[in-house]
């Protein structure tokens, strides 16, 4: 679980680096002094965006990886046990896929929330005069 949260934080950081690179590219296009940096920044932006999008999928996989089927009960007498209908493999796969997609959505939401918190903290520190200058 800690590794999954770390991956979500890394995704947020990569997302912020992507936004930074896109901002620099849009500001530097047309300026002869910075024209040589633009292709390299585009390559970095591709890397950051790829990582920002891929890391929540990996985090969702890690969150669901440790889940077990449940507590195993002792063997009971099968004569008096009422069981439900058998679930087909297709439904089991669909259920597992939907659970994974729900974890992906939660991981992506957490990454965006980390980005918002980071920007908010940076703005508050700037307002307080605690800059990185």
N, C-alpha and C. Protein backbone atom coordinates (compact mmCIF):
# COMPACT_ATOMS: atom_id res chain seq x y z
N UNK A 1 0.82 -1.19 0.00
CA UNK A 1 0.00 0.00 0.00
C UNK A 1 0.87 1.26 0.00
N UNK A 2 1.96 1.24 0.75
CA UNK A 2 2.84 2.40 0.78
C UNK A 2 3.49 2.63 -0.58
N UNK A 3 3.85 1.55 -1.25
CA UNK A 3 4.42 1.68 -2.59
C UNK A 3 3.40 2.26 -3.57
N UNK A 4 2.14 1.89 -3.43
CA UNK A 4 1.09 2.43 -4.30
C UNK A 4 0.92 3.93 -4.06
N UNK A 5 0.94 4.35 -2.81
CA UNK A 5 0.83 5.78 -2.50
C UNK A 5 2.05 6.53 -3.04
N UNK A 6 3.21 5.92 -2.94
CA UNK A 6 4.42 6.53 -3.50
C UNK A 6 4.30 6.69 -5.01
N UNK A 7 3.73 5.70 -5.68
CA UNK A 7 3.52 5.80 -7.12
C UNK A 7 2.52 6.89 -7.47
N UNK A 8 1.51 7.07 -6.64
CA UNK A 8 0.54 8.15 -6.87
C UNK A 8 1.20 9.51 -6.69
N UNK A 9 2.05 9.64 -5.68
CA UNK A 9 2.80 10.89 -5.49
C UNK A 9 3.74 11.14 -6.67
N UNK A 10 4.39 10.09 -7.14
CA UNK A 10 5.28 10.23 -8.30
C UNK A 10 4.50 10.62 -9.53
N UNK A 11 3.30 10.08 -9.69
CA UNK A 11 2.45 10.47 -10.81
C UNK A 11 2.07 11.95 -10.73
N UNK A 12 1.76 12.41 -9.54
CA UNK A 12 1.44 13.83 -9.37
C UNK A 12 2.65 14.70 -9.69
N UNK A 13 3.80 14.29 -9.24
CA UNK A 13 5.02 15.06 -9.52
C UNK A 13 5.31 15.09 -11.02
N UNK A 14 5.15 13.94 -11.69
CA UNK A 14 5.36 13.90 -13.15
C UNK A 14 4.35 14.77 -13.87
N UNK A 15 3.12 14.80 -13.38
CA UNK A 15 2.10 15.67 -13.97
C UNK A 15 2.47 17.13 -13.84
N UNK A 16 3.01 17.51 -12.69
CA UNK A 16 3.44 18.90 -12.51
C UNK A 16 4.65 19.22 -13.38
N UNK A 17 5.55 18.28 -13.54
CA UNK A 17 6.70 18.50 -14.44
C UNK A 17 6.23 18.63 -15.89
N UNK A 18 5.21 17.87 -16.27
CA UNK A 18 4.64 17.99 -17.61
C UNK A 18 4.04 19.38 -17.82
N UNK A 19 3.29 19.86 -16.84
CA UNK A 19 2.69 21.20 -16.94
C UNK A 19 3.77 22.26 -17.03
N UNK A 20 4.85 22.09 -16.28
CA UNK A 20 5.97 23.03 -16.33
C UNK A 20 6.62 23.03 -17.71
N UNK A 21 6.84 21.84 -18.27
CA UNK A 21 7.47 21.75 -19.59
C UNK A 21 6.59 22.36 -20.67
N UNK A 22 5.29 22.11 -20.61
CA UNK A 22 4.38 22.69 -21.61
C UNK A 22 4.33 24.20 -21.48
N UNK A 23 4.36 24.70 -20.26
CA UNK A 23 4.39 26.15 -20.06
C UNK A 23 5.65 26.79 -20.62
N UNK A 24 6.78 26.14 -20.41
CA UNK A 24 8.03 26.67 -20.96
C UNK A 24 8.03 26.60 -22.47
N UNK A 25 7.54 25.51 -23.03
CA UNK A 25 7.51 25.39 -24.49
C UNK A 25 6.65 26.48 -25.09
N UNK A 26 5.48 26.70 -24.52
CA UNK A 26 4.59 27.72 -25.09
C UNK A 26 5.16 29.12 -24.92
N UNK A 27 5.94 29.33 -23.88
CA UNK A 27 6.53 30.64 -23.68
C UNK A 27 7.81 30.86 -24.49
N UNK A 28 8.50 29.80 -24.84
CA UNK A 28 9.79 29.93 -25.50
C UNK A 28 9.71 29.82 -27.02
N UNK A 29 8.59 29.34 -27.55
CA UNK A 29 8.48 29.24 -29.01
C UNK A 29 8.53 30.64 -29.61
N UNK A 30 9.37 30.80 -30.58
CA UNK A 30 9.52 32.09 -31.26
C UNK A 30 10.62 32.96 -30.68
N UNK A 31 11.18 32.58 -29.55
CA UNK A 31 12.28 33.35 -28.98
C UNK A 31 13.60 32.72 -29.43
N UNK A 32 14.41 33.47 -30.19
CA UNK A 32 15.64 32.87 -30.74
C UNK A 32 16.60 32.37 -29.66
N UNK A 33 16.59 33.00 -28.49
CA UNK A 33 17.51 32.62 -27.43
C UNK A 33 17.22 31.22 -26.91
N UNK A 34 15.93 30.82 -26.90
CA UNK A 34 15.52 29.54 -26.32
C UNK A 34 15.07 28.53 -27.36
N UNK A 35 15.17 28.85 -28.63
CA UNK A 35 14.67 27.97 -29.69
C UNK A 35 15.35 26.60 -29.68
N UNK A 36 16.60 26.52 -29.26
CA UNK A 36 17.31 25.24 -29.21
C UNK A 36 16.85 24.33 -28.08
N UNK A 37 16.21 24.88 -27.05
CA UNK A 37 15.75 24.08 -25.92
C UNK A 37 14.39 23.42 -26.15
N UNK A 38 13.64 23.94 -27.11
CA UNK A 38 12.27 23.48 -27.30
C UNK A 38 12.18 21.99 -27.68
N UNK A 39 12.99 21.46 -28.61
CA UNK A 39 12.88 20.03 -28.92
C UNK A 39 13.18 19.13 -27.72
N UNK A 40 14.15 19.51 -26.93
CA UNK A 40 14.47 18.71 -25.74
C UNK A 40 13.34 18.78 -24.73
N UNK A 41 12.75 19.95 -24.56
CA UNK A 41 11.61 20.08 -23.64
C UNK A 41 10.42 19.27 -24.12
N UNK A 42 10.21 19.20 -25.43
CA UNK A 42 9.11 18.37 -25.96
C UNK A 42 9.34 16.90 -25.63
N UNK A 43 10.59 16.46 -25.73
CA UNK A 43 10.89 15.07 -25.38
C UNK A 43 10.65 14.83 -23.90
N UNK A 44 11.06 15.77 -23.05
CA UNK A 44 10.82 15.64 -21.62
C UNK A 44 9.31 15.63 -21.33
N UNK A 45 8.57 16.48 -22.02
CA UNK A 45 7.12 16.54 -21.81
C UNK A 45 6.47 15.21 -22.17
N UNK A 46 6.95 14.55 -23.22
CA UNK A 46 6.41 13.24 -23.58
C UNK A 46 6.70 12.22 -22.48
N UNK A 47 7.90 12.26 -21.93
CA UNK A 47 8.26 11.33 -20.86
C UNK A 47 7.41 11.58 -19.62
N UNK A 48 7.29 12.84 -19.22
CA UNK A 48 6.53 13.17 -18.01
C UNK A 48 5.06 12.81 -18.18
N UNK A 49 4.49 13.08 -19.34
CA UNK A 49 3.07 12.75 -19.53
C UNK A 49 2.86 11.24 -19.54
N UNK A 50 3.78 10.51 -20.14
CA UNK A 50 3.66 9.05 -20.13
C UNK A 50 3.72 8.48 -18.73
N UNK A 51 4.65 8.98 -17.94
CA UNK A 51 4.76 8.50 -16.56
C UNK A 51 3.54 8.92 -15.72
N UNK A 52 3.08 10.15 -15.92
CA UNK A 52 1.92 10.63 -15.16
C UNK A 52 0.68 9.80 -15.46
N UNK A 53 0.57 9.30 -16.68
CA UNK A 53 -0.59 8.48 -17.04
C UNK A 53 -0.41 7.01 -16.68
N UNK A 54 0.80 6.50 -16.71
CA UNK A 54 1.04 5.07 -16.48
C UNK A 54 1.12 4.72 -15.00
N UNK A 55 1.63 5.60 -14.18
CA UNK A 55 1.83 5.26 -12.77
C UNK A 55 0.54 4.97 -11.99
N UNK A 56 -0.59 5.66 -12.25
CA UNK A 56 -1.82 5.26 -11.55
C UNK A 56 -2.28 3.83 -11.88
N UNK A 57 -2.03 3.37 -13.11
CA UNK A 57 -2.38 1.99 -13.46
C UNK A 57 -1.55 1.00 -12.64
N UNK A 58 -0.27 1.30 -12.51
CA UNK A 58 0.60 0.43 -11.72
C UNK A 58 0.22 0.48 -10.24
N UNK A 59 -0.11 1.67 -9.75
CA UNK A 59 -0.53 1.80 -8.35
C UNK A 59 -1.82 1.01 -8.10
N UNK A 60 -2.76 1.05 -9.03
CA UNK A 60 -4.00 0.30 -8.88
C UNK A 60 -3.74 -1.20 -8.88
N UNK A 61 -2.79 -1.64 -9.69
CA UNK A 61 -2.42 -3.05 -9.70
C UNK A 61 -1.84 -3.46 -8.35
N UNK A 62 -0.98 -2.61 -7.79
CA UNK A 62 -0.36 -2.94 -6.50
C UNK A 62 -1.37 -2.93 -5.37
N UNK A 63 -2.36 -2.05 -5.43
CA UNK A 63 -3.39 -2.02 -4.39
C UNK A 63 -4.19 -3.32 -4.41
N UNK A 64 -4.52 -3.80 -5.59
CA UNK A 64 -5.32 -5.02 -5.69
C UNK A 64 -4.51 -6.29 -5.62
N UNK A 65 -3.20 -6.20 -5.71
CA UNK A 65 -2.36 -7.39 -5.74
C UNK A 65 -2.39 -8.15 -4.43
N UNK A 66 -2.48 -7.48 -3.32
CA UNK A 66 -2.41 -8.14 -2.02
C UNK A 66 -3.74 -8.65 -1.51
N UNK A 67 -4.80 -8.47 -2.27
CA UNK A 67 -6.12 -8.90 -1.80
C UNK A 67 -6.26 -10.41 -1.92
N UNK A 68 -6.87 -10.98 -0.91
CA UNK A 68 -7.12 -12.42 -0.94
C UNK A 68 -8.60 -12.67 -1.18
N UNK A 69 -8.94 -13.88 -1.44
CA UNK A 69 -10.32 -14.24 -1.72
C UNK A 69 -11.19 -14.18 -0.47
N UNK A 70 -10.61 -14.16 0.68
CA UNK A 70 -11.36 -14.09 1.92
C UNK A 70 -10.87 -15.14 2.90
N UNK A 71 -11.53 -15.22 4.02
CA UNK A 71 -11.14 -16.16 5.06
C UNK A 71 -11.65 -17.54 4.67
N UNK A 72 -10.79 -18.51 4.74
CA UNK A 72 -11.18 -19.88 4.44
C UNK A 72 -11.82 -20.49 5.69
N UNK A 73 -12.98 -21.06 5.50
CA UNK A 73 -13.67 -21.69 6.61
C UNK A 73 -13.39 -23.19 6.59
N UNK A 74 -13.57 -23.80 7.72
CA UNK A 74 -13.37 -25.24 7.82
C UNK A 74 -14.37 -25.96 6.93
N UNK A 75 -14.00 -27.11 6.47
CA UNK A 75 -14.86 -27.90 5.60
C UNK A 75 -16.15 -28.26 6.35
N UNK A 76 -17.27 -28.04 5.71
CA UNK A 76 -18.56 -28.33 6.33
C UNK A 76 -19.23 -29.49 5.61
N UNK A 77 -20.27 -29.97 6.21
CA UNK A 77 -21.05 -31.04 5.60
C UNK A 77 -21.81 -30.46 4.42
N UNK A 78 -21.57 -30.98 3.22
CA UNK A 78 -22.17 -30.44 1.99
C UNK A 78 -23.64 -30.78 1.84
N UNK A 79 -24.17 -31.68 2.62
CA UNK A 79 -25.56 -32.09 2.45
C UNK A 79 -26.53 -30.99 2.86
N UNK A 80 -26.19 -30.21 3.86
CA UNK A 80 -27.14 -29.22 4.35
C UNK A 80 -26.72 -27.78 4.02
N UNK A 81 -25.80 -27.60 3.08
CA UNK A 81 -25.35 -26.27 2.71
C UNK A 81 -26.08 -25.85 1.44
N UNK A 82 -26.70 -24.68 1.50
CA UNK A 82 -27.38 -24.13 0.33
C UNK A 82 -26.41 -23.19 -0.36
N UNK A 83 -26.17 -23.43 -1.64
CA UNK A 83 -25.24 -22.59 -2.38
C UNK A 83 -25.99 -21.81 -3.44
N UNK A 84 -25.42 -20.71 -3.84
CA UNK A 84 -26.00 -19.89 -4.89
C UNK A 84 -25.66 -20.46 -6.25
N UNK A 85 -26.17 -19.84 -7.27
CA UNK A 85 -25.86 -20.32 -8.62
C UNK A 85 -24.38 -20.11 -8.94
N UNK A 86 -23.87 -20.95 -9.77
CA UNK A 86 -22.47 -20.85 -10.17
C UNK A 86 -22.27 -19.59 -11.02
N UNK A 87 -21.18 -18.92 -10.79
CA UNK A 87 -20.86 -17.72 -11.55
C UNK A 87 -19.96 -18.12 -12.70
N UNK A 88 -20.30 -17.65 -13.88
CA UNK A 88 -19.50 -18.02 -15.05
C UNK A 88 -18.16 -17.29 -15.01
N UNK A 89 -17.24 -17.80 -15.78
CA UNK A 89 -15.91 -17.18 -15.83
C UNK A 89 -15.98 -15.78 -16.44
N UNK A 90 -16.89 -15.58 -17.36
CA UNK A 90 -17.02 -14.26 -17.98
C UNK A 90 -17.43 -13.22 -16.94
N UNK A 91 -18.38 -13.58 -16.07
CA UNK A 91 -18.80 -12.65 -15.04
C UNK A 91 -17.69 -12.42 -14.02
N UNK A 92 -16.95 -13.45 -13.71
CA UNK A 92 -15.85 -13.29 -12.76
C UNK A 92 -14.78 -12.36 -13.35
N UNK A 93 -14.50 -12.52 -14.64
CA UNK A 93 -13.52 -11.64 -15.30
C UNK A 93 -14.04 -10.21 -15.34
N UNK A 94 -15.32 -10.04 -15.68
CA UNK A 94 -15.90 -8.70 -15.75
C UNK A 94 -15.88 -8.02 -14.38
N UNK A 95 -16.17 -8.78 -13.34
CA UNK A 95 -16.14 -8.23 -11.99
C UNK A 95 -14.72 -7.81 -11.60
N UNK A 96 -13.76 -8.66 -11.91
CA UNK A 96 -12.36 -8.32 -11.60
C UNK A 96 -11.90 -7.10 -12.40
N UNK A 97 -12.30 -7.01 -13.66
CA UNK A 97 -11.93 -5.87 -14.49
C UNK A 97 -12.56 -4.58 -13.97
N UNK A 98 -13.82 -4.64 -13.58
CA UNK A 98 -14.47 -3.45 -13.04
C UNK A 98 -13.84 -3.03 -11.71
N UNK A 99 -13.46 -3.98 -10.89
CA UNK A 99 -12.79 -3.65 -9.62
C UNK A 99 -11.44 -2.97 -9.90
N UNK A 100 -10.71 -3.47 -10.89
CA UNK A 100 -9.43 -2.86 -11.25
C UNK A 100 -9.63 -1.45 -11.78
N UNK A 101 -10.62 -1.26 -12.65
CA UNK A 101 -10.88 0.07 -13.20
C UNK A 101 -11.31 1.05 -12.11
N UNK A 102 -12.02 0.56 -11.12
CA UNK A 102 -12.38 1.41 -9.98
C UNK A 102 -11.14 1.82 -9.20
N UNK A 103 -10.20 0.88 -9.02
CA UNK A 103 -8.94 1.22 -8.34
C UNK A 103 -8.12 2.19 -9.18
N UNK A 104 -8.14 2.06 -10.52
CA UNK A 104 -7.43 3.00 -11.39
C UNK A 104 -8.03 4.40 -11.22
N UNK A 105 -9.35 4.48 -11.21
CA UNK A 105 -10.00 5.79 -11.04
C UNK A 105 -9.64 6.41 -9.69
N UNK A 106 -9.62 5.59 -8.65
CA UNK A 106 -9.25 6.10 -7.32
C UNK A 106 -7.79 6.56 -7.30
N UNK A 107 -6.90 5.81 -7.94
CA UNK A 107 -5.49 6.20 -7.98
C UNK A 107 -5.30 7.48 -8.79
N UNK A 108 -6.01 7.61 -9.90
CA UNK A 108 -5.91 8.84 -10.70
C UNK A 108 -6.46 10.03 -9.92
N UNK A 109 -7.56 9.84 -9.23
CA UNK A 109 -8.12 10.91 -8.41
C UNK A 109 -7.14 11.31 -7.30
N UNK A 110 -6.51 10.33 -6.68
CA UNK A 110 -5.53 10.63 -5.62
C UNK A 110 -4.34 11.39 -6.20
N UNK A 111 -3.89 11.03 -7.40
CA UNK A 111 -2.77 11.74 -8.02
C UNK A 111 -3.13 13.20 -8.29
N UNK A 112 -4.33 13.43 -8.81
CA UNK A 112 -4.77 14.80 -9.06
C UNK A 112 -4.91 15.56 -7.73
N UNK A 113 -5.40 14.89 -6.71
CA UNK A 113 -5.52 15.54 -5.40
C UNK A 113 -4.14 15.91 -4.85
N UNK A 114 -3.15 15.03 -5.02
CA UNK A 114 -1.80 15.36 -4.59
C UNK A 114 -1.26 16.56 -5.36
N UNK A 115 -1.57 16.65 -6.65
CA UNK A 115 -1.13 17.80 -7.44
C UNK A 115 -1.74 19.10 -6.90
N UNK A 116 -3.02 19.06 -6.59
CA UNK A 116 -3.71 20.25 -6.08
C UNK A 116 -3.12 20.65 -4.73
N UNK A 117 -2.88 19.68 -3.87
CA UNK A 117 -2.31 19.98 -2.55
C UNK A 117 -0.91 20.57 -2.70
N UNK A 118 -0.12 20.02 -3.61
CA UNK A 118 1.24 20.54 -3.81
C UNK A 118 1.20 21.99 -4.30
N UNK A 119 0.33 22.27 -5.27
CA UNK A 119 0.22 23.64 -5.78
C UNK A 119 -0.28 24.58 -4.68
N UNK A 120 -1.25 24.12 -3.89
CA UNK A 120 -1.77 24.94 -2.80
C UNK A 120 -0.69 25.25 -1.77
N UNK A 121 0.10 24.25 -1.39
CA UNK A 121 1.19 24.47 -0.43
C UNK A 121 2.23 25.43 -1.00
N UNK A 122 2.56 25.27 -2.29
CA UNK A 122 3.53 26.16 -2.92
C UNK A 122 3.02 27.60 -2.95
N UNK A 123 1.73 27.77 -3.24
CA UNK A 123 1.16 29.12 -3.25
C UNK A 123 1.14 29.73 -1.85
N UNK A 124 0.83 28.93 -0.84
CA UNK A 124 0.81 29.44 0.53
C UNK A 124 2.21 29.84 0.99
N UNK A 125 3.19 29.02 0.64
CA UNK A 125 4.57 29.36 1.00
C UNK A 125 5.03 30.63 0.28
N UNK A 126 4.59 30.80 -0.96
CA UNK A 126 4.93 32.02 -1.69
C UNK A 126 4.27 33.25 -1.06
N UNK A 127 3.02 33.10 -0.63
CA UNK A 127 2.32 34.21 0.02
C UNK A 127 2.99 34.57 1.35
N UNK A 128 3.53 33.57 2.04
CA UNK A 128 4.21 33.82 3.32
C UNK A 128 5.63 34.35 3.13
N UNK A 129 6.08 34.37 1.90
CA UNK A 129 7.43 34.87 1.64
C UNK A 129 8.52 33.85 1.77
N UNK A 130 8.18 32.59 1.89
CA UNK A 130 9.15 31.51 2.00
C UNK A 130 9.34 30.96 0.60
N UNK A 131 10.10 31.65 -0.21
CA UNK A 131 10.31 31.20 -1.59
C UNK A 131 11.60 30.43 -1.75
N UNK A 132 11.76 29.84 -2.90
CA UNK A 132 12.98 29.08 -3.19
C UNK A 132 13.98 29.94 -3.93
N UNK A 133 13.89 31.22 -3.76
CA UNK A 133 14.78 32.14 -4.49
C UNK A 133 16.10 32.22 -3.80
